[in-house]
Amino acid sequence: MNDYLTIADVMKILRVSRTTAYGYIRSRRLASFKVGHLVRIKADDLQRFVEGQPKKSR
């Protein structure tokens, strides 16, 4: 995994829509930062986010 992920990377990893990914960021459940106008997420922050999520039953 790269050290810094794009929104597209997060969408692919979490299998969520762009709206949902930005919703996690807006609600501050998922930490992010901006580089100019681009949003980036640290891989470690995404890992912590995933570990904190309840498991979905299939």
Protein backbone atom coordinates (compact mmCIF):
# COMPACT_ATOMS: atom_id res chain seq x y z
CA MET A 1 0.00 0.00 0.00
CA ASN A 2 1.20 3.53 -0.75
CA ASP A 3 1.74 5.86 2.19
CA TYR A 4 -0.87 8.30 0.87
CA LEU A 5 -4.14 7.34 -0.80
CA THR A 6 -6.53 9.20 -3.07
CA ILE A 7 -10.30 9.25 -2.69
CA ALA A 8 -10.46 6.78 -5.59
CA ASP A 9 -8.14 4.43 -3.68
CA VAL A 10 -10.32 4.68 -0.56
CA MET A 11 -13.45 4.03 -2.64
CA LYS A 12 -11.89 0.91 -4.13
CA ILE A 13 -10.54 -0.44 -0.83
CA LEU A 14 -13.75 0.17 1.15
CA ARG A 15 -16.07 -0.57 -1.80
CA VAL A 16 -18.06 2.61 -1.22
CA SER A 17 -19.25 5.48 -3.38
CA ARG A 18 -17.49 8.83 -3.66
CA THR A 19 -20.30 10.40 -1.60
CA THR A 20 -19.80 7.88 1.21
CA ALA A 21 -16.01 8.31 1.21
CA TYR A 22 -16.34 12.09 1.44
CA GLY A 23 -19.02 11.61 4.11
CA TYR A 24 -16.53 9.71 6.29
CA ILE A 25 -14.08 12.58 5.87
CA ARG A 26 -16.68 15.30 6.45
CA SER A 27 -17.85 13.59 9.66
CA ARG A 28 -14.19 13.30 10.74
CA ARG A 29 -14.47 9.54 11.10
CA LEU A 30 -11.68 9.24 8.50
CA ALA A 31 -8.70 11.58 8.82
CA SER A 32 -7.50 13.35 5.69
CA PHE A 33 -5.47 16.32 4.55
CA LYS A 34 -5.22 18.50 1.48
CA VAL A 35 -2.31 19.00 -0.89
CA GLY A 36 -3.39 22.05 -2.81
CA HIS A 37 -6.94 21.13 -3.80
CA LEU A 38 -6.33 17.35 -3.67
CA VAL A 39 -7.53 15.27 -0.72
CA ARG A 40 -5.16 12.59 0.57
CA ILE A 41 -5.56 9.93 3.27
CA LYS A 42 -2.68 8.29 5.10
CA ALA A 43 -2.73 4.51 4.71
CA ASP A 44 -2.31 4.13 8.48
CA ASP A 45 -5.38 6.32 9.09
CA LEU A 46 -7.44 4.21 6.69
CA GLN A 47 -6.27 1.05 8.46
CA ARG A 48 -7.34 2.47 11.84
CA PHE A 49 -10.69 3.47 10.31
CA VAL A 50 -11.25 -0.05 8.97
CA GLU A 51 -10.30 -1.67 12.27
CA GLY A 52 -12.78 0.56 14.09
CA GLN A 53 -15.71 -0.36 11.84
CA PRO A 54 -18.20 -3.00 12.94
CA LYS A 55 -18.15 -6.15 10.81
CA LYS A 56 -20.90 -6.40 8.22
CA SER A 57 -22.79 -9.69 8.05
CA ARG A 58 -23.27 -11.18 4.61
